[in-house]
Amino acid sequence: MNEHEYLAVSAAEAAHIRSKEPSSRSIRDLSDLFSVFADTTRIRIMYALYANELCVGDIAAILNLSQSAISHQLRILKDARLVASRREGKTVFYALDDDHVRAILATGIEHVEER
């Protein structure tokens, strides 16, 4: 007996399900994206930026953390395209990159709070 004899789906259904799977690269990229969410400081930063554009000093004050700690995490968030920045004179302002990021945060918190 082979391991596939006990499948509840037909071979055709299994093939159809496999055909809908994203590419290996997309799955790897999604895994990398979700790994960025594995740090509570980064999540707190994203929530601070949920509806506000803030500079590093503001974020540091809101979260009661050092500016260097915030800058380090912002770099990771920017590299993951979760946060965008713009310069105004000497000040750099940060915001969530787009509505997809807001949706991920909103869906995630809704999921964990539904218990």
PDB file of N, CA and C in Angstrom:
ATOM      1  N   MET A   1       0.839  -1.187   0.000  1.00  0.00           N
ATOM      2  CA  MET A   1       0.000   0.000   0.000  1.00  0.00           C
ATOM      3  C   MET A   1       0.879   1.245   0.000  1.00  0.00           C
ATOM      4  N   ASN A   2       0.476   2.205  -0.808  1.00  0.00           N
ATOM      5  CA  ASN A   2       1.238   3.446  -0.752  1.00  0.00           C
ATOM      6  C   ASN A   2       0.490   4.462   0.110  1.00  0.00           C
ATOM      7  N   GLU A   3       1.183   5.513   0.458  1.00  0.00           N
ATOM      8  CA  GLU A   3       0.637   6.491   1.400  1.00  0.00           C
ATOM      9  C   GLU A   3      -0.572   7.242   0.859  1.00  0.00           C
ATOM     10  N   HIS A   4      -0.797   7.228  -0.444  1.00  0.00           N
ATOM     11  CA  HIS A   4      -1.889   7.995  -1.043  1.00  0.00           C
ATOM     12  C   HIS A   4      -3.197   7.217  -1.130  1.00  0.00           C
ATOM     13  N   GLU A   5      -3.207   5.962  -0.752  1.00  0.00           N
ATOM     14  CA  GLU A   5      -4.426   5.169  -0.852  1.00  0.00           C
ATOM     15  C   GLU A   5      -5.493   5.609   0.138  1.00  0.00           C
ATOM     16  N   TYR A   6      -5.139   6.335   1.157  1.00  0.00           N
ATOM     17  CA  TYR A   6      -6.098   6.728   2.182  1.00  0.00           C
ATOM     18  C   TYR A   6      -6.574   8.173   2.038  1.00  0.00           C
ATOM     19  N   LEU A   7      -6.255   8.812   0.927  1.00  0.00           N
ATOM     20  CA  LEU A   7      -6.700  10.187   0.728  1.00  0.00           C
ATOM     21  C   LEU A   7      -8.210  10.245   0.586  1.00  0.00           C
ATOM     22  N   ALA A   8      -8.816  11.240   1.191  1.00  0.00           N
ATOM     23  CA  ALA A   8     -10.262  11.428   1.079  1.00  0.00           C
ATOM     24  C   ALA A   8     -10.624  12.143  -0.215  1.00  0.00           C
ATOM     25  N   VAL A   9      -9.653  12.771  -0.865  1.00  0.00           N
ATOM     26  CA  VAL A   9      -9.909  13.462  -2.129  1.00  0.00           C
ATOM     27  C   VAL A   9      -9.404  12.613  -3.281  1.00  0.00           C
ATOM     28  N   SER A  10      -9.994  12.815  -4.433  1.00  0.00           N
ATOM     29  CA  SER A  10      -9.555  12.083  -5.621  1.00  0.00           C
ATOM     30  C   SER A  10      -8.236  12.659  -6.113  1.00  0.00           C
ATOM     31  N   ALA A  11      -7.589  11.933  -6.992  1.00  0.00           N
ATOM     32  CA  ALA A  11      -6.335  12.413  -7.581  1.00  0.00           C
ATOM     33  C   ALA A  11      -6.576  13.717  -8.332  1.00  0.00           C
ATOM     34  N   ALA A  12      -7.715  13.824  -8.996  1.00  0.00           N
ATOM     35  CA  ALA A  12      -8.039  15.049  -9.737  1.00  0.00           C
ATOM     36  C   ALA A  12      -8.227  16.227  -8.780  1.00  0.00           C
ATOM     37  N   GLU A  13      -8.916  15.992  -7.667  1.00  0.00           N
ATOM     38  CA  GLU A  13      -9.108  17.059  -6.677  1.00  0.00           C
ATOM     39  C   GLU A  13      -7.773  17.482  -6.071  1.00  0.00           C
ATOM     40  N   ALA A  14      -6.926  16.509  -5.778  1.00  0.00           N
ATOM     41  CA  ALA A  14      -5.605  16.815  -5.222  1.00  0.00           C
ATOM     42  C   ALA A  14      -4.791  17.645  -6.208  1.00  0.00           C
ATOM     43  N   ALA A  15      -4.852  17.281  -7.486  1.00  0.00           N
ATOM     44  CA  ALA A  15      -4.126  18.030  -8.514  1.00  0.00           C
ATOM     45  C   ALA A  15      -4.663  19.457  -8.616  1.00  0.00           C
ATOM     46  N   HIS A  16      -5.980  19.605  -8.526  1.00  0.00           N
ATOM     47  CA  HIS A  16      -6.589  20.934  -8.589  1.00  0.00           C
ATOM     48  C   HIS A  16      -6.134  21.789  -7.398  1.00  0.00           C
ATOM     49  N   ILE A  17      -6.126  21.212  -6.212  1.00  0.00           N
ATOM     50  CA  ILE A  17      -5.679  21.938  -5.013  1.00  0.00           C
ATOM     51  C   ILE A  17      -4.222  22.354  -5.167  1.00  0.00           C
ATOM     52  N   ARG A  18      -3.380  21.424  -5.657  1.00  0.00           N
ATOM     53  CA  ARG A  18      -1.960  21.747  -5.866  1.00  0.00           C
ATOM     54  C   ARG A  18      -1.795  22.868  -6.886  1.00  0.00           C
ATOM     55  N   SER A  19      -2.650  22.888  -7.912  1.00  0.00           N
ATOM     56  CA  SER A  19      -2.527  23.908  -8.964  1.00  0.00           C
ATOM     57  C   SER A  19      -2.826  25.311  -8.440  1.00  0.00           C
ATOM     58  N   LYS A  20      -3.551  25.418  -7.343  1.00  0.00           N
ATOM     59  CA  LYS A  20      -3.905  26.718  -6.760  1.00  0.00           C
ATOM     60  C   LYS A  20      -2.851  27.231  -5.780  1.00  0.00           C
ATOM     61  N   GLU A  21      -1.891  26.375  -5.426  1.00  0.00           N
ATOM     62  CA  GLU A  21      -0.855  26.776  -4.472  1.00  0.00           C
ATOM     63  C   GLU A  21       0.040  27.842  -5.092  1.00  0.00           C
ATOM     64  N   PRO A  22       0.356  28.885  -4.334  1.00  0.00           N
ATOM     65  CA  PRO A  22       1.278  29.909  -4.849  1.00  0.00           C
ATOM     66  C   PRO A  22       2.644  29.297  -5.165  1.00  0.00           C
ATOM     67  N   SER A  23       3.439  30.039  -5.912  1.00  0.00           N
ATOM     68  CA  SER A  23       4.776  29.563  -6.267  1.00  0.00           C
ATOM     69  C   SER A  23       5.626  29.378  -5.008  1.00  0.00           C
ATOM     70  N   SER A  24       6.659  28.574  -5.134  1.00  0.00           N
ATOM     71  CA  SER A  24       7.582  28.355  -4.006  1.00  0.00           C
ATOM     72  C   SER A  24       8.182  29.675  -3.538  1.00  0.00           C
ATOM     73  N   ARG A  25       8.506  30.538  -4.486  1.00  0.00           N
ATOM     74  CA  ARG A  25       9.078  31.842  -4.129  1.00  0.00           C
ATOM     75  C   ARG A  25       8.073  32.668  -3.328  1.00  0.00           C
ATOM     76  N   SER A  26       6.817  32.686  -3.764  1.00  0.00           N
ATOM     77  CA  SER A  26       5.793  33.447  -3.036  1.00  0.00           C
ATOM     78  C   SER A  26       5.602  32.899  -1.627  1.00  0.00           C
ATOM     79  N   ILE A  27       5.627  31.597  -1.487  1.00  0.00           N
ATOM     80  CA  ILE A  27       5.479  30.981  -0.161  1.00  0.00           C
ATOM     81  C   ILE A  27       6.660  31.348   0.729  1.00  0.00           C
ATOM     82  N   ARG A  28       7.876  31.314   0.171  1.00  0.00           N
ATOM     83  CA  ARG A  28       9.068  31.720   0.933  1.00  0.00           C
ATOM     84  C   ARG A  28       8.973  33.190   1.342  1.00  0.00           C
ATOM     85  N   ASP A  29       8.555  34.039   0.388  1.00  0.00           N
ATOM     86  CA  ASP A  29       8.429  35.468   0.681  1.00  0.00           C
ATOM     87  C   ASP A  29       7.381  35.720   1.765  1.00  0.00           C
ATOM     88  N   LEU A  30       6.282  34.985   1.716  1.00  0.00           N
ATOM     89  CA  LEU A  30       5.246  35.130   2.739  1.00  0.00           C
ATOM     90  C   LEU A  30       5.761  34.675   4.102  1.00  0.00           C
ATOM     91  N   SER A  31       6.524  33.600   4.107  1.00  0.00           N
ATOM     92  CA  SER A  31       7.127  33.128   5.354  1.00  0.00           C
ATOM     93  C   SER A  31       8.065  34.193   5.927  1.00  0.00           C
ATOM     94  N   ASP A  32       8.864  34.805   5.052  1.00  0.00           N
ATOM     95  CA  ASP A  32       9.761  35.882   5.491  1.00  0.00           C
ATOM     96  C   ASP A  32       8.962  37.065   6.041  1.00  0.00           C
ATOM     97  N   LEU A  33       7.865  37.411   5.361  1.00  0.00           N
ATOM     98  CA  LEU A  33       7.025  38.508   5.827  1.00  0.00           C
ATOM     99  C   LEU A  33       6.470  38.215   7.214  1.00  0.00           C
ATOM    100  N   PHE A  34       5.925  37.021   7.399  1.00  0.00           N
ATOM    101  CA  PHE A  34       5.353  36.678   8.701  1.00  0.00           C
ATOM    102  C   PHE A  34       6.415  36.634   9.792  1.00  0.00           C
ATOM    103  N   SER A  35       7.651  36.315   9.444  1.00  0.00           N
ATOM    104  CA  SER A  35       8.706  36.292  10.465  1.00  0.00           C
ATOM    105  C   SER A  35       8.966  37.692  11.021  1.00  0.00           C
ATOM    106  N   VAL A  36       8.716  38.721  10.221  1.00  0.00           N
ATOM    107  CA  VAL A  36       8.885  40.094  10.695  1.00  0.00           C
ATOM    108  C   VAL A  36       7.882  40.395  11.809  1.00  0.00           C
ATOM    109  N   PHE A  37       6.723  39.745  11.761  1.00  0.00           N
ATOM    110  CA  PHE A  37       5.688  39.947  12.774  1.00  0.00           C
ATOM    111  C   PHE A  37       5.997  39.197  14.079  1.00  0.00           C
ATOM    112  N   ALA A  38       7.098  38.485  14.131  1.00  0.00           N
ATOM    113  CA  ALA A  38       7.432  37.676  15.309  1.00  0.00           C
ATOM    114  C   ALA A  38       8.064  38.496  16.433  1.00  0.00           C
ATOM    115  N   ASP A  39       8.152  39.796  16.270  1.00  0.00           N
ATOM    116  CA  ASP A  39       8.772  40.655  17.278  1.00  0.00           C
ATOM    117  C   ASP A  39       7.733  41.642  17.813  1.00  0.00           C
ATOM    118  N   THR A  40       7.528  41.644  19.121  1.00  0.00           N
ATOM    119  CA  THR A  40       6.484  42.495  19.707  1.00  0.00           C
ATOM    120  C   THR A  40       6.766  43.987  19.526  1.00  0.00           C
ATOM    121  N   THR A  41       8.028  44.380  19.537  1.00  0.00           N
ATOM    122  CA  THR A  41       8.346  45.798  19.333  1.00  0.00           C
ATOM    123  C   THR A  41       7.938  46.239  17.937  1.00  0.00           C
ATOM    124  N   ARG A  42       8.210  45.415  16.938  1.00  0.00           N
ATOM    125  CA  ARG A  42       7.821  45.773  15.572  1.00  0.00           C
ATOM    126  C   ARG A  42       6.302  45.880  15.445  1.00  0.00           C
ATOM    127  N   ILE A  43       5.586  44.983  16.095  1.00  0.00           N
ATOM    128  CA  ILE A  43       4.119  45.052  16.054  1.00  0.00           C
ATOM    129  C   ILE A  43       3.639  46.336  16.733  1.00  0.00           C
ATOM    130  N   ARG A  44       4.227  46.677  17.852  1.00  0.00           N
ATOM    131  CA  ARG A  44       3.841  47.910  18.555  1.00  0.00           C
ATOM    132  C   ARG A  44       4.119  49.140  17.690  1.00  0.00           C
ATOM    133  N   ILE A  45       5.247  49.127  16.988  1.00  0.00           N
ATOM    134  CA  ILE A  45       5.568  50.242  16.085  1.00  0.00           C
ATOM    135  C   ILE A  45       4.512  50.341  14.991  1.00  0.00           C
ATOM    136  N   MET A  46       4.156  49.214  14.397  1.00  0.00           N
ATOM    137  CA  MET A  46       3.156  49.241  13.326  1.00  0.00           C
ATOM    138  C   MET A  46       1.810  49.737  13.834  1.00  0.00           C
ATOM    139  N   TYR A  47       1.430  49.353  15.059  1.00  0.00           N
ATOM    140  CA  TYR A  47       0.179  49.865  15.615  1.00  0.00           C
ATOM    141  C   TYR A  47       0.264  51.361  15.890  1.00  0.00           C
ATOM    142  N   ALA A  48       1.416  51.852  16.314  1.00  0.00           N
ATOM    143  CA  ALA A  48       1.581  53.299  16.504  1.00  0.00           C
ATOM    144  C   ALA A  48       1.411  54.031  15.174  1.00  0.00           C
ATOM    145  N   LEU A  49       1.837  53.379  14.098  1.00  0.00           N
ATOM    146  CA  LEU A  49       1.759  53.981  12.764  1.00  0.00           C
ATOM    147  C   LEU A  49       0.452  53.660  12.044  1.00  0.00           C
ATOM    148  N   TYR A  50      -0.428  52.915  12.682  1.00  0.00           N
ATOM    149  CA  TYR A  50      -1.663  52.447  12.034  1.00  0.00           C
ATOM    150  C   TYR A  50      -2.446  53.602  11.406  1.00  0.00           C
ATOM    151  N   ALA A  51      -2.581  54.694  12.106  1.00  0.00           N
ATOM    152  CA  ALA A  51      -3.337  55.839  11.588  1.00  0.00           C
ATOM    153  C   ALA A  51      -2.542  57.134  11.681  1.00  0.00           C
ATOM    154  N   ASN A  52      -1.254  57.020  12.020  1.00  0.00           N
ATOM    155  CA  ASN A  52      -0.446  58.213  12.253  1.00  0.00           C
ATOM    156  C   ASN A  52       0.883  58.118  11.531  1.00  0.00           C
ATOM    157  N   GLU A  53       1.329  59.241  11.003  1.00  0.00           N
ATOM    158  CA  GLU A  53       2.681  59.359  10.483  1.00  0.00           C
ATOM    159  C   GLU A  53       3.514  59.942  11.616  1.00  0.00           C
ATOM    160  N   LEU A  54       4.599  59.263  11.964  1.00  0.00           N
ATOM    161  CA  LEU A  54       5.389  59.672  13.128  1.00  0.00           C
ATOM    162  C   LEU A  54       6.877  59.648  12.806  1.00  0.00           C
ATOM    163  N   CYS A  55       7.647  60.462  13.532  1.00  0.00           N
ATOM    164  CA  CYS A  55       9.104  60.406  13.427  1.00  0.00           C
ATOM    165  C   CYS A  55       9.639  59.457  14.503  1.00  0.00           C
ATOM    166  N   VAL A  56      10.914  59.123  14.406  1.00  0.00           N
ATOM    167  CA  VAL A  56      11.530  58.173  15.335  1.00  0.00           C
ATOM    168  C   VAL A  56      11.362  58.622  16.785  1.00  0.00           C
ATOM    169  N   GLY A  57      11.595  59.899  17.038  1.00  0.00           N
ATOM    170  CA  GLY A  57      11.474  60.409  18.405  1.00  0.00           C
ATOM    171  C   GLY A  57      10.074  60.242  18.972  1.00  0.00           C
ATOM    172  N   ASP A  58       9.076  60.492  18.130  1.00  0.00           N
ATOM    173  CA  ASP A  58       7.687  60.312  18.567  1.00  0.00           C
ATOM    174  C   ASP A  58       7.400  58.851  18.893  1.00  0.00           C
ATOM    175  N   ILE A  59       7.829  57.966  18.013  1.00  0.00           N
ATOM    176  CA  ILE A  59       7.595  56.532  18.238  1.00  0.00           C
ATOM    177  C   ILE A  59       8.291  56.088  19.518  1.00  0.00           C
ATOM    178  N   ALA A  60       9.533  56.532  19.700  1.00  0.00           N
ATOM    179  CA  ALA A  60      10.292  56.172  20.905  1.00  0.00           C
ATOM    180  C   ALA A  60       9.566  56.645  22.164  1.00  0.00           C
ATOM    181  N   ALA A  61       9.042  57.866  22.135  1.00  0.00           N
ATOM    182  CA  ALA A  61       8.331  58.402  23.303  1.00  0.00           C
ATOM    183  C   ALA A  61       7.039  57.629  23.558  1.00  0.00           C
ATOM    184  N   ILE A  62       6.301  57.339  22.500  1.00  0.00           N
ATOM    185  CA  ILE A  62       5.032  56.620  22.643  1.00  0.00           C
ATOM    186  C   ILE A  62       5.256  55.224  23.220  1.00  0.00           C
ATOM    187  N   LEU A  63       6.293  54.541  22.728  1.00  0.00           N
ATOM    188  CA  LEU A  63       6.546  53.160  23.155  1.00  0.00           C
ATOM    189  C   LEU A  63       7.491  53.071  24.345  1.00  0.00           C
ATOM    190  N   ASN A  64       8.010  54.219  24.789  1.00  0.00           N
ATOM    191  CA  ASN A  64       8.938  54.259  25.916  1.00  0.00           C
ATOM    192  C   ASN A  64      10.170  53.383  25.661  1.00  0.00           C
ATOM    193  N   LEU A  65      10.739  53.567  24.463  1.00  0.00           N
ATOM    194  CA  LEU A  65      11.950  52.848  24.063  1.00  0.00           C
ATOM    195  C   LEU A  65      12.958  53.854  23.523  1.00  0.00           C
ATOM    196  N   SER A  66      14.210  53.439  23.396  1.00  0.00           N
ATOM    197  CA  SER A  66      15.239  54.335  22.879  1.00  0.00           C
ATOM    198  C   SER A  66      15.057  54.553  21.377  1.00  0.00           C
ATOM    199  N   GLN A  67      15.540  55.707  20.918  1.00  0.00           N
ATOM    200  CA  GLN A  67      15.470  55.996  19.488  1.00  0.00           C
ATOM    201  C   GLN A  67      16.283  54.993  18.681  1.00  0.00           C
ATOM    202  N   SER A  68      17.414  54.546  19.225  1.00  0.00           N
ATOM    203  CA  SER A  68      18.226  53.574  18.481  1.00  0.00           C
ATOM    204  C   SER A  68      17.495  52.241  18.343  1.00  0.00           C
ATOM    205  N   ALA A  69      16.775  51.831  19.375  1.00  0.00           N
ATOM    206  CA  ALA A  69      15.999  50.585  19.292  1.00  0.00           C
ATOM    207  C   ALA A  69      14.898  50.715  18.244  1.00  0.00           C
ATOM    208  N   ILE A  70      14.243  51.872  18.217  1.00  0.00           N
ATOM    209  CA  ILE A  70      13.181  52.109  17.238  1.00  0.00           C
ATOM    210  C   ILE A  70      13.767  52.138  15.829  1.00  0.00           C
ATOM    211  N   SER A  71      14.880  52.838  15.655  1.00  0.00           N
ATOM    212  CA  SER A  71      15.516  52.926  14.333  1.00  0.00           C
ATOM    213  C   SER A  71      15.889  51.551  13.802  1.00  0.00           C
ATOM    214  N   HIS A  72      16.419  50.714  14.666  1.00  0.00           N
ATOM    215  CA  HIS A  72      16.791  49.354  14.263  1.00  0.00           C
ATOM    216  C   HIS A  72      15.569  48.588  13.755  1.00  0.00           C
ATOM    217  N   GLN A  73      14.474  48.667  14.493  1.00  0.00           N
ATOM    218  CA  GLN A  73      13.262  47.941  14.095  1.00  0.00           C
ATOM    219  C   GLN A  73      12.632  48.553  12.842  1.00  0.00           C
ATOM    220  N   LEU A  74      12.683  49.869  12.712  1.00  0.00           N
ATOM    221  CA  LEU A  74      12.144  50.515  11.515  1.00  0.00           C
ATOM    222  C   LEU A  74      12.887  50.075  10.263  1.00  0.00           C
ATOM    223  N   ARG A  75      14.185  49.872  10.382  1.00  0.00           N
ATOM    224  CA  ARG A  75      14.977  49.406   9.237  1.00  0.00           C
ATOM    225  C   ARG A  75      14.477  48.038   8.778  1.00  0.00           C
ATOM    226  N   ILE A  76      14.208  47.158   9.715  1.00  0.00           N
ATOM    227  CA  ILE A  76      13.680  45.826   9.387  1.00  0.00           C
ATOM    228  C   ILE A  76      12.299  45.950   8.745  1.00  0.00           C
ATOM    229  N   LEU A  77      11.456  46.805   9.305  1.00  0.00           N
ATOM    230  CA  LEU A  77      10.111  46.999   8.761  1.00  0.00           C
ATOM    231  C   LEU A  77      10.153  47.605   7.358  1.00  0.00           C
ATOM    232  N   LYS A  78      11.084  48.534   7.126  1.00  0.00           N
ATOM    233  CA  LYS A  78      11.234  49.115   5.785  1.00  0.00           C
ATOM    234  C   LYS A  78      11.717  48.075   4.792  1.00  0.00           C
ATOM    235  N   ASP A  79      12.691  47.265   5.202  1.00  0.00           N
ATOM    236  CA  ASP A  79      13.211  46.216   4.313  1.00  0.00           C
ATOM    237  C   ASP A  79      12.120  45.232   3.913  1.00  0.00           C
ATOM    238  N   ALA A  80      11.157  45.021   4.794  1.00  0.00           N
ATOM    239  CA  ALA A  80      10.044  44.107   4.521  1.00  0.00           C
ATOM    240  C   ALA A  80       8.898  44.821   3.795  1.00  0.00           C
ATOM    241  N   ARG A  81       9.078  46.097   3.493  1.00  0.00           N
ATOM    242  CA  ARG A  81       8.065  46.921   2.816  1.00  0.00           C
ATOM    243  C   ARG A  81       6.771  47.029   3.620  1.00  0.00           C
ATOM    244  N   LEU A  82       6.901  47.017   4.934  1.00  0.00           N
ATOM    245  CA  LEU A  82       5.745  47.196   5.810  1.00  0.00           C
ATOM    246  C   LEU A  82       5.601  48.652   6.240  1.00  0.00           C
ATOM    247  N   VAL A  83       6.717  49.381   6.212  1.00  0.00           N
ATOM    248  CA  VAL A  83       6.749  50.781   6.612  1.00  0.00           C
ATOM    249  C   VAL A  83       7.453  51.571   5.515  1.00  0.00           C
ATOM    250  N   ALA A  84       6.942  52.763   5.256  1.00  0.00           N
ATOM    251  CA  ALA A  84       7.559  53.671   4.290  1.00  0.00           C
ATOM    252  C   ALA A  84       8.000  54.929   5.032  1.00  0.00           C
ATOM    253  N   SER A  85       8.902  55.668   4.419  1.00  0.00           N
ATOM    254  CA  SER A  85       9.379  56.895   5.061  1.00  0.00           C
ATOM    255  C   SER A  85       9.402  58.038   4.055  1.00  0.00           C
ATOM    256  N   ARG A  86       9.373  59.238   4.610  1.00  0.00           N
ATOM    257  CA  ARG A  86       9.557  60.446   3.800  1.00  0.00           C
ATOM    258  C   ARG A  86      10.312  61.455   4.650  1.00  0.00           C
ATOM    259  N   ARG A  87      11.135  62.234   3.984  1.00  0.00           N
ATOM    260  CA  ARG A  87      11.954  63.223   4.679  1.00  0.00           C
ATOM    261  C   ARG A  87      11.318  64.602   4.529  1.00  0.00           C
ATOM    262  N   GLU A  88      11.297  65.322   5.639  1.00  0.00           N
ATOM    263  CA  GLU A  88      10.850  66.714   5.637  1.00  0.00           C
ATOM    264  C   GLU A  88      11.921  67.509   6.365  1.00  0.00           C
ATOM    265  N   GLY A  89      12.781  68.155   5.607  1.00  0.00           N
ATOM    266  CA  GLY A  89      13.936  68.829   6.202  1.00  0.00           C
ATOM    267  C   GLY A  89      14.866  67.786   6.795  1.00  0.00           C
ATOM    268  N   LYS A  90      15.155  67.918   8.082  1.00  0.00           N
ATOM    269  CA  LYS A  90      16.032  66.951   8.753  1.00  0.00           C
ATOM    270  C   LYS A  90      15.262  65.811   9.406  1.00  0.00           C
ATOM    271  N   THR A  91      13.950  65.892   9.369  1.00  0.00           N
ATOM    272  CA  THR A  91      13.126  64.892  10.052  1.00  0.00           C
ATOM    273  C   THR A  91      12.607  63.858   9.064  1.00  0.00           C
ATOM    274  N   VAL A  92      12.688  62.595   9.464  1.00  0.00           N
ATOM    275  CA  VAL A  92      12.141  61.499   8.658  1.00  0.00           C
ATOM    276  C   VAL A  92      10.864  61.023   9.329  1.00  0.00           C
ATOM    277  N   PHE A  93       9.802  60.987   8.557  1.00  0.00           N
ATOM    278  CA  PHE A  93       8.512  60.518   9.053  1.00  0.00           C
ATOM    279  C   PHE A  93       8.243  59.122   8.512  1.00  0.00           C
ATOM    280  N   TYR A  94       7.626  58.307   9.337  1.00  0.00           N
ATOM    281  CA  TYR A  94       7.318  56.925   8.977  1.00  0.00           C
ATOM    282  C   TYR A  94       5.814  56.709   9.010  1.00  0.00           C
ATOM    283  N   ALA A  95       5.362  55.826   8.130  1.00  0.00           N
ATOM    284  CA  ALA A  95       3.950  55.453   8.067  1.00  0.00           C
ATOM    285  C   ALA A  95       3.876  54.015   7.576  1.00  0.00           C
ATOM    286  N   LEU A  96       2.745  53.371   7.802  1.00  0.00           N
ATOM    287  CA  LEU A  96       2.562  52.042   7.229  1.00  0.00           C
ATOM    288  C   LEU A  96       2.630  52.172   5.716  1.00  0.00           C
ATOM    289  N   ASP A  97       3.187  51.172   5.067  1.00  0.00           N
ATOM    290  CA  ASP A  97       3.435  51.254   3.630  1.00  0.00           C
ATOM    291  C   ASP A  97       2.156  51.346   2.811  1.00  0.00           C
ATOM    292  N   ASP A  98       1.143  50.573   3.170  1.00  0.00           N
ATOM    293  CA  ASP A  98      -0.106  50.614   2.410  1.00  0.00           C
ATOM    294  C   ASP A  98      -1.240  49.967   3.198  1.00  0.00           C
ATOM    295  N   ASP A  99      -2.405  49.928   2.584  1.00  0.00           N
ATOM    296  CA  ASP A  99      -3.580  49.378   3.266  1.00  0.00           C
ATOM    297  C   ASP A  99      -3.473  47.878   3.513  1.00  0.00           C
ATOM    298  N   HIS A 100      -2.634  47.174   2.744  1.00  0.00           N
ATOM    299  CA  HIS A 100      -2.446  45.741   3.000  1.00  0.00           C
ATOM    300  C   HIS A 100      -1.888  45.516   4.400  1.00  0.00           C
ATOM    301  N   VAL A 101      -0.978  46.377   4.813  1.00  0.00           N
ATOM    302  CA  VAL A 101      -0.368  46.239   6.139  1.00  0.00           C
ATOM    303  C   VAL A 101      -1.424  46.461   7.218  1.00  0.00           C
ATOM    304  N   ARG A 102      -2.260  47.475   7.023  1.00  0.00           N
ATOM    305  CA  ARG A 102      -3.355  47.711   7.977  1.00  0.00           C
ATOM    306  C   ARG A 102      -4.274  46.495   8.045  1.00  0.00           C
ATOM    307  N   ALA A 103      -4.577  45.915   6.891  1.00  0.00           N
ATOM    308  CA  ALA A 103      -5.467  44.747   6.850  1.00  0.00           C
ATOM    309  C   ALA A 103      -4.849  43.555   7.574  1.00  0.00           C
ATOM    310  N   ILE A 104      -3.549  43.334   7.386  1.00  0.00           N
ATOM    311  CA  ILE A 104      -2.869  42.228   8.076  1.00  0.00           C
ATOM    312  C   ILE A 104      -2.959  42.433   9.589  1.00  0.00           C
ATOM    313  N   LEU A 105      -2.665  43.657  10.045  1.00  0.00           N
ATOM    314  CA  LEU A 105      -2.726  43.952  11.478  1.00  0.00           C
ATOM    315  C   LEU A 105      -4.146  43.796  12.014  1.00  0.00           C
ATOM    316  N   ALA A 106      -5.113  44.352  11.308  1.00  0.00           N
ATOM    317  CA  ALA A 106      -6.502  44.290  11.774  1.00  0.00           C
ATOM    318  C   ALA A 106      -7.000  42.852  11.822  1.00  0.00           C
ATOM    319  N   THR A 107      -6.703  42.080  10.787  1.00  0.00           N
ATOM    320  CA  THR A 107      -7.137  40.682  10.751  1.00  0.00           C
ATOM    321  C   THR A 107      -6.433  39.874  11.830  1.00  0.00           C
ATOM    322  N   GLY A 108      -5.152  40.124  12.024  1.00  0.00           N
ATOM    323  CA  GLY A 108      -4.396  39.401  13.043  1.00  0.00           C
ATOM    324  C   GLY A 108      -4.932  39.644  14.439  1.00  0.00           C
ATOM    325  N   ILE A 109      -5.186  40.903  14.771  1.00  0.00           N
ATOM    326  CA  ILE A 109      -5.673  41.202  16.122  1.00  0.00           C
ATOM    327  C   ILE A 109      -7.096  40.684  16.298  1.00  0.00           C
ATOM    328  N   GLU A 110      -7.900  40.761  15.244  1.00  0.00           N
ATOM    329  CA  GLU A 110      -9.260  40.209  15.312  1.00  0.00           C
ATOM    330  C   GLU A 110      -9.204  38.706  15.584  1.00  0.00           C
ATOM    331  N   HIS A 111      -8.283  38.032  14.930  1.00  0.00           N
ATOM    332  CA  HIS A 111      -8.152  36.587  15.103  1.00  0.00           C
ATOM    333  C   HIS A 111      -7.758  36.224  16.538  1.00  0.00           C
ATOM    334  N   VAL A 112      -6.753  36.912  17.079  1.00  0.00           N
ATOM    335  CA  VAL A 112      -6.291  36.546  18.425  1.00  0.00           C
ATOM    336  C   VAL A 112      -7.256  36.983  19.518  1.00  0.00           C
ATOM    337  N   GLU A 113      -8.079  37.982  19.242  1.00  0.00           N
ATOM    338  CA  GLU A 113      -9.014  38.458  20.262  1.00  0.00           C
ATOM    339  C   GLU A 113     -10.377  37.780  20.199  1.00  0.00           C
ATOM    340  N   GLU A 114     -10.603  36.890  19.229  1.00  0.00           N
ATOM    341  CA  GLU A 114     -11.923  36.273  19.096  1.00  0.00           C
ATOM    342  C   GLU A 114     -12.164  35.148  20.089  1.00  0.00           C
ATOM    343  N   ARG A 115     -11.201  34.830  20.894  1.00  0.00           N
ATOM    344  CA  ARG A 115     -11.346  33.725  21.856  1.00  0.00           C
ATOM    345  C   ARG A 115     -12.309  34.053  22.943  1.00  0.00           C
TER     346      ARG A 115
END
